[in-house]
């Protein structure tokens, strides 16, 4: 069995670093054009160069999303952009539109191409078609069961890789092909501007009684008839590996660096543990517990085991039990002083948990908090402020401090 790649989202450079540092084999990110997360920070040329260097220096890969369905005006400058990202060293392009695919093959024929989940690939015949058009990897639609994936794998040549989502938000529509956002807000979800109207709370109105709103009673929390639960497959690593999936994809370019770090770490540990000894592999409940801490909706297994696993959630809210409160920027062993960059408000004597790439999390109390000028403080209230603490625990640069709400 080939060890699957762990592919993580990188909405900005900090998230890219978190993904790489916590164990991702590759990251996917959006550039300045043609990606489906128009409201993420995304990467301009300089940031892209910086991110690629950081990944490549550590033996990791960077995939660039160019997976919109472009209108005519969106194609302006496409050829120049393809040449630019090739010269920067992008490892592969994630594409969905036949026009972009054709142009990429003409302009940067050596570039590796991955077919986005937006292309709705749900059978082996279409996968084989795209592979014959020069696509190296198929990012499978999320509507597939595990048995369907196995059959697709069996009927494709070994040269065709398969990528599948294993964790994160699910789209209520058919692999992102939703027109609700465009209809209701004028923001085109297929061009990266989805307003997520499926998360809205809805009421019923009757045409002859305008202004009167009637409840559609789902439960006492409200009516969220199009909300989806979050995908989580950490409990089924052996089944995913045995299905022949090349790359385990984590959703979340719009989510926090803490989310990226925690989720990547959990799947990294699970996959590594399985490959150390497949026959005696057993799920460590700690991995699942750690996945419960970052912001998420109720977890379920998507379509992997059939339609009996209900997709619809009863609320649009997230479960947010923990927040990231700081990132360690330095630790001085001579005076036991850690320098922290704030991420959320935190108080002196608060108990925080340390998340790092290896080993289990551990807790300690914040003591002797001081601002960057050495003045004693009782709280770090300002976004990204620098402060110091005293601790005899040897913290490491890049350690994330998280705190239970």
Foldseek 3Di string as FASTA:
>chain_A
DDQAFEEFEALFQLLLCLLVQQAGQEYEFEAPAQAQANPGPGHYLVRLLVSQVVQVVSNHAYEYENAFADDPVRCVCLLVVLVSVVVSPHQAYAYAYPVSLVSCCVRVVVHAYEHDLLNADQALVVLQVVVVSRHQEYEHWLQYALVRLLVSVVPHDPSYAYEYEAWWADALDGSQPDCPQCVPPVADSSRNGRPPPLQDFDFDDDPVDPPDTHAPPPDPVGARPRGFFIGHRLQPVVSVVVSRHRYHYYDDSPFDSLLSNLLSLLSSVQSVQCVVPVVPRDDDVVSVVSNLADKGGHYDHRCHPHPPTPTHDRHSGTDHFKDFFWFWADADLVQQKTKTFGAAKDFFQAKWWKDGSDDDIDIDGFAQKAFPVRHGDGMDHDHRGIIMGHDNPGDDGGIIIMHGD
